[in-house]
Amino acid sequence: MSRMDEAYTENSLITKSDMRKTFWRSFPLQGCFNYERMQNVGFCYSMIPVLKRLYPEKEKAKEALKRHLSFFNTTPQVVSFITGACVALEEQNKKSEEGFDIESITALKAALMGPIAGIGDSFFWGTFRIIAAGVGCGLASKGSLLGAVLFLLIFNIPHYLVRYYGLKLGYKSGINFIETAQTSGMVEILTNCAKIIGLCVVGAMIASMVAFSTPLVLSIGETKVELQGVFDQILPKILPLLLTFGIYGLLKKGYKTVTVMFGIIAAGIICAFLGIL
């Protein structure tokens, strides 16, 4: 028996080769995204190597495929944790033959995809992506190709590590890990930490990357007051901050991004022509 055909763990019915294929198949999770069941096709695709191993019988294989075509949606970077947990339950179903509650597999997916998405969104969309964009854009604005490289590395190194080890952790721990994490409050702590880091990075990006100032000078008698200096005394970079909050407010009210973008361009041209900016 080759190393690839070895059992994944002691007494496992699946092999290391099966789990390796499952890992790589988890990447195109949203390759067949749909608005009815969202990521269900991608998730089922990642389970196929394991299902082929466990259910060589055609009818049972069909039932398993249908089981994993139910509604599914979570953060792609952390999906492998749920995949690993489902693999463990499918293997348990095969071993027990009778008496196993098949519905528990679908219930597991439904129970995990929300909490897992909350953690994944906080870290990957709310933290790593912002940090990567801040570092990458800062270097790219100076003409350095390292900006693009660091953007990809800062985001994808944690992504690949979480996806790879998440599959193992999900298989070994499954739902017990999430239950323990939620009971102990660890999930809430991690989520709050991720939000704080993300906000700090956003604040730093506003101060360093949003250029917004005014050359206006007010004449009061014989005294001339530079308006920008007054703003800087109140709070350095207050105008970029107000601009950012203003744009955020417009987006929250439902204005389209393209509309806001063209509005900023038009306002910038007019204000520059009038000498306001």
Protein backbone atom coordinates (compact mmCIF):
# COMPACT_ATOMS: atom_id res chain seq x y z
CA MET A 1 0.00 0.00 0.00
CA SER A 2 1.39 3.40 -0.99
CA ARG A 3 1.63 6.26 1.46
CA MET A 4 -1.21 8.06 -0.30
CA ASP A 5 -3.49 5.03 0.22
CA GLU A 6 -2.79 4.83 3.95
CA ALA A 7 -5.68 5.37 6.34
CA TYR A 8 -6.08 9.03 7.27
CA THR A 9 -6.05 8.17 10.97
CA GLU A 10 -6.04 4.93 12.89
CA ASN A 11 -9.18 2.90 12.09
CA SER A 12 -10.26 5.37 9.37
CA LEU A 13 -12.09 4.06 6.33
CA ILE A 14 -10.91 7.00 4.24
CA THR A 15 -7.35 7.50 3.06
CA LYS A 16 -4.89 10.39 3.04
CA SER A 17 -5.39 10.59 -0.70
CA ASP A 18 -9.14 11.09 -0.23
CA MET A 19 -8.61 13.94 2.23
CA ARG A 20 -5.98 15.55 0.02
CA LYS A 21 -8.44 15.57 -2.88
CA THR A 22 -11.14 16.95 -0.60
CA PHE A 23 -8.82 19.75 0.48
CA TRP A 24 -8.05 20.84 -3.08
CA ARG A 25 -11.68 20.50 -4.11
CA SER A 26 -12.71 22.92 -1.37
CA PHE A 27 -11.19 25.88 -3.27
CA PRO A 28 -13.82 26.19 -6.05
CA LEU A 29 -16.58 26.32 -3.40
CA GLN A 30 -18.28 29.23 -5.13
CA GLY A 31 -17.57 28.08 -8.69
CA CYS A 32 -21.22 27.14 -9.16
CA PHE A 33 -22.80 29.65 -6.78
CA ASN A 34 -26.57 30.00 -7.13
CA TYR A 35 -29.19 32.13 -5.39
CA GLU A 36 -31.34 29.19 -4.32
CA ARG A 37 -28.89 26.98 -2.43
CA MET A 38 -25.79 29.16 -2.75
CA GLN A 39 -22.60 27.06 -2.24
CA ASN A 40 -24.27 23.64 -2.17
CA VAL A 41 -22.81 22.37 -5.47
CA GLY A 42 -19.28 23.40 -4.49
CA PHE A 43 -19.59 21.74 -1.08
CA CYS A 44 -20.93 18.52 -2.61
CA TYR A 45 -18.08 18.56 -5.14
CA SER A 46 -15.51 18.64 -2.33
CA MET A 47 -17.16 15.64 -0.63
CA ILE A 48 -17.15 13.38 -3.70
CA PRO A 49 -13.75 11.65 -3.09
CA VAL A 50 -14.83 10.65 0.43
CA LEU A 51 -18.33 9.61 -0.63
CA LYS A 52 -16.88 7.40 -3.39
CA ARG A 53 -14.70 5.68 -0.82
CA LEU A 54 -17.47 5.17 1.73
CA TYR A 55 -20.36 4.31 -0.59
CA PRO A 56 -19.32 2.16 -3.54
CA GLU A 57 -22.97 1.12 -3.86
CA LYS A 58 -24.68 3.30 -6.47
CA GLU A 59 -27.91 3.94 -4.54
CA LYS A 60 -26.21 4.90 -1.29
CA ALA A 61 -23.82 7.16 -3.20
CA LYS A 62 -26.78 8.92 -4.82
CA GLU A 63 -28.41 9.43 -1.43
CA ALA A 64 -25.20 10.89 -0.02
CA LEU A 65 -24.81 13.28 -2.96
CA LYS A 66 -28.38 14.51 -2.56
CA ARG A 67 -27.74 14.95 1.17
CA HIS A 68 -24.91 17.36 0.46
CA LEU A 69 -26.80 19.34 -2.16
CA SER A 70 -28.92 20.99 0.53
CA PHE A 71 -28.61 24.72 1.21
CA PHE A 72 -25.13 25.75 2.31
CA ASN A 73 -23.35 29.06 2.75
CA THR A 74 -20.33 30.08 4.82
CA THR A 75 -17.02 31.94 4.54
CA PRO A 76 -14.98 30.06 1.87
CA GLN A 77 -11.68 30.35 3.75
CA VAL A 78 -12.97 28.34 6.74
CA VAL A 79 -15.28 25.89 4.95
CA SER A 80 -12.86 22.98 5.41
CA PHE A 81 -13.67 22.79 9.14
CA ILE A 82 -17.29 21.95 8.29
CA THR A 83 -16.14 19.63 5.51
CA GLY A 84 -13.95 17.69 7.94
CA ALA A 85 -16.81 17.37 10.45
CA CYS A 86 -19.14 16.08 7.72
CA VAL A 87 -16.52 13.56 6.59
CA ALA A 88 -16.30 12.25 10.16
CA LEU A 89 -20.09 11.85 10.38
CA GLU A 90 -20.31 10.15 6.97
CA GLU A 91 -17.63 7.71 8.10
CA GLN A 92 -19.51 7.10 11.34
CA ASN A 93 -22.65 6.43 9.32
CA LYS A 94 -20.81 3.86 7.21
CA LYS A 95 -19.36 2.12 10.24
CA SER A 96 -22.64 1.93 12.17
CA GLU A 97 -24.71 0.84 9.14
CA GLU A 98 -27.92 0.85 11.19
CA GLY A 99 -29.06 3.17 13.96
CA PHE A 100 -27.23 6.28 12.77
CA ASP A 101 -29.34 9.42 12.42
CA ILE A 102 -28.72 10.57 8.83
CA GLU A 103 -30.43 13.89 9.50
CA SER A 104 -27.67 14.77 11.97
CA ILE A 105 -25.28 15.36 9.03
CA THR A 106 -27.51 18.04 7.51
CA ALA A 107 -28.19 19.42 10.98
CA LEU A 108 -24.44 19.65 11.62
CA LYS A 109 -23.92 21.74 8.49
CA ALA A 110 -26.80 24.03 9.40
CA ALA A 111 -25.49 24.44 12.96
CA LEU A 112 -21.88 25.16 11.97
CA MET A 113 -22.13 27.37 8.90
CA GLY A 114 -23.42 30.40 10.86
CA PRO A 115 -20.85 30.47 13.71
CA ILE A 116 -18.02 29.51 11.36
CA ALA A 117 -19.02 32.27 8.93
CA GLY A 118 -19.04 34.78 11.78
CA ILE A 119 -15.46 33.89 12.73
CA GLY A 120 -14.30 33.69 9.11
CA ASP A 121 -15.83 37.02 8.08
CA SER A 122 -14.35 38.80 11.11
CA PHE A 123 -10.83 37.54 10.49
CA PHE A 124 -10.56 37.26 6.72
CA TRP A 125 -12.86 39.99 5.40
CA GLY A 126 -12.68 42.30 8.40
CA THR A 127 -9.02 41.91 9.41
CA PHE A 128 -6.59 40.13 7.07
CA ARG A 129 -8.00 41.67 3.89
CA ILE A 130 -7.86 45.19 5.32
CA ILE A 131 -4.34 44.75 6.69
CA ALA A 132 -3.20 43.23 3.38
CA ALA A 133 -4.83 46.05 1.40
CA GLY A 134 -3.31 48.71 3.66
CA VAL A 135 0.22 47.34 3.34
CA GLY A 136 -0.14 46.49 -0.35
CA CYS A 137 -1.69 49.80 -1.43
CA GLY A 138 0.83 51.76 0.62
CA LEU A 139 3.74 50.14 -1.23
CA ALA A 140 2.00 50.08 -4.61
CA SER A 141 1.30 53.83 -4.39
CA LYS A 142 5.07 54.32 -4.23
CA GLY A 143 5.56 52.22 -7.35
CA SER A 144 6.77 49.07 -5.60
CA LEU A 145 5.79 45.67 -7.03
CA LEU A 146 6.23 44.32 -3.51
CA GLY A 147 2.82 45.84 -2.73
CA ALA A 148 0.98 43.30 -4.88
CA VAL A 149 3.13 40.44 -3.59
CA LEU A 150 2.63 41.31 0.08
CA PHE A 151 -1.11 41.80 -0.45
CA LEU A 152 -1.41 38.23 -1.72
CA LEU A 153 0.90 36.78 0.93
CA ILE A 154 -0.63 38.52 3.96
CA PHE A 155 -4.11 37.37 2.99
CA ASN A 156 -3.39 33.92 1.58
CA ILE A 157 -0.83 32.50 4.02
CA PRO A 158 -3.37 32.50 6.91
CA HIS A 159 -6.02 31.38 4.42
CA TYR A 160 -4.12 28.29 3.28
CA LEU A 161 -3.10 27.37 6.83
CA VAL A 162 -6.65 27.68 8.17
CA ARG A 163 -8.09 25.75 5.23
CA TYR A 164 -5.54 22.91 5.55
CA TYR A 165 -5.56 22.48 9.32
CA GLY A 166 -9.28 23.26 9.53
CA LEU A 167 -9.99 20.05 7.61
CA LYS A 168 -7.99 18.03 10.14
CA LEU A 169 -9.48 19.81 13.12
CA GLY A 170 -13.01 19.43 11.79
CA TYR A 171 -12.51 15.72 11.21
CA LYS A 172 -11.08 15.11 14.68
CA SER A 173 -13.17 17.53 16.74
CA GLY A 174 -16.18 18.51 14.67
CA ILE A 175 -19.06 20.17 16.41
CA ASN A 176 -17.60 19.60 19.90
CA PHE A 177 -14.95 22.25 19.20
CA ILE A 178 -17.52 24.92 18.30
CA GLU A 179 -19.74 24.04 21.26
CA THR A 180 -16.78 24.31 23.63
CA ALA A 181 -15.61 27.56 22.05
CA GLN A 182 -19.06 29.13 22.31
CA THR A 183 -19.63 27.94 25.88
CA SER A 184 -16.28 29.30 27.05
CA GLY A 185 -16.85 32.61 25.27
CA MET A 186 -13.74 32.15 23.11
CA VAL A 187 -15.64 32.80 19.86
CA GLU A 188 -16.95 36.14 21.14
CA ILE A 189 -13.50 37.17 22.38
CA LEU A 190 -11.81 36.30 19.07
CA THR A 191 -14.51 38.07 17.08
CA ASN A 192 -14.23 41.24 19.18
CA CYS A 193 -10.43 41.21 18.89
CA ALA A 194 -10.71 40.88 15.11
CA LYS A 195 -13.14 43.83 14.96
CA ILE A 196 -10.83 46.03 17.05
CA ILE A 197 -7.79 45.21 14.89
CA GLY A 198 -9.81 45.84 11.74
CA LEU A 199 -11.02 49.24 12.99
CA CYS A 200 -7.47 50.26 13.94
CA VAL A 201 -6.22 49.36 10.47
CA VAL A 202 -9.10 51.25 8.80
CA GLY A 203 -8.32 54.32 10.93
CA ALA A 204 -4.66 54.18 9.95
CA MET A 205 -5.57 53.79 6.27
CA ILE A 206 -7.85 56.86 6.41
CA ALA A 207 -5.10 59.00 7.95
CA SER A 208 -2.36 57.84 5.58
CA MET A 209 -4.17 57.19 2.30
CA VAL A 210 -7.15 59.59 2.04
CA ALA A 211 -5.89 62.96 0.77
CA PHE A 212 -8.41 65.72 1.46
CA SER A 213 -7.49 69.30 2.43
CA THR A 214 -8.45 72.90 1.68
CA PRO A 215 -6.29 75.90 0.67
CA LEU A 216 -8.92 78.43 1.84
CA VAL A 217 -7.62 81.43 3.77
CA LEU A 218 -10.04 83.61 5.75
CA SER A 219 -9.29 87.30 6.13
CA ILE A 220 -10.45 88.81 9.43
CA GLY A 221 -9.35 92.43 9.41
CA GLU A 222 -5.64 92.36 8.86
CA THR A 223 -5.38 88.81 10.11
CA LYS A 224 -5.36 85.88 7.73
CA VAL A 225 -6.38 82.47 8.98
CA GLU A 226 -5.56 79.28 7.09
CA LEU A 227 -8.64 77.12 7.44
CA GLN A 228 -6.66 73.91 7.09
CA GLY A 229 -4.52 74.89 10.08
CA VAL A 230 -7.64 75.39 12.18
CA PHE A 231 -8.90 71.92 11.22
CA ASP A 232 -5.51 70.39 12.06
CA GLN A 233 -5.60 72.01 15.51
CA ILE A 234 -9.05 70.55 16.16
CA LEU A 235 -8.05 67.07 14.99
CA PRO A 236 -5.28 66.13 12.53
CA LYS A 237 -6.73 64.54 9.37
CA ILE A 238 -10.27 65.51 10.37
CA LEU A 239 -11.29 66.28 6.77
CA PRO A 240 -10.34 62.81 5.43
CA LEU A 241 -12.21 61.33 8.39
CA LEU A 242 -15.35 63.38 7.69
CA LEU A 243 -15.15 62.50 3.98
CA THR A 244 -14.89 58.80 4.80
CA PHE A 245 -17.85 58.95 7.18
CA GLY A 246 -19.84 60.89 4.60
CA ILE A 247 -19.21 58.28 1.90
CA TYR A 248 -20.02 55.49 4.35
CA GLY A 249 -23.31 57.24 5.22
CA LEU A 250 -24.28 57.50 1.55
CA LEU A 251 -23.56 53.81 0.99
CA LYS A 252 -25.60 52.87 4.07
CA LYS A 253 -28.54 54.84 2.68
CA GLY A 254 -28.47 52.69 -0.44
CA TYR A 255 -26.56 54.86 -2.92
CA LYS A 256 -24.66 52.77 -5.46
CA THR A 257 -20.87 52.73 -5.31
CA VAL A 258 -20.53 53.95 -8.91
CA THR A 259 -22.92 56.85 -8.23
CA VAL A 260 -20.93 57.90 -5.15
CA MET A 261 -17.65 57.61 -7.05
CA PHE A 262 -18.79 59.84 -9.93
CA GLY A 263 -20.28 62.25 -7.39
CA ILE A 264 -16.89 62.56 -5.66
CA ILE A 265 -15.16 63.17 -9.00
CA ALA A 266 -17.67 65.86 -9.98
CA ALA A 267 -17.54 67.54 -6.57
CA GLY A 268 -13.73 67.46 -6.62
CA ILE A 269 -13.56 69.15 -10.04
CA ILE A 270 -16.08 71.85 -9.07
CA CYS A 271 -14.46 72.55 -5.68
CA ALA A 272 -10.97 72.68 -7.22
CA PHE A 273 -12.21 75.14 -9.86
CA LEU A 274 -13.73 77.35 -7.13
CA GLY A 275 -10.53 77.14 -5.06
CA ILE A 276 -12.20 75.37 -2.18
CA LEU A 277 -10.02 72.27 -2.48
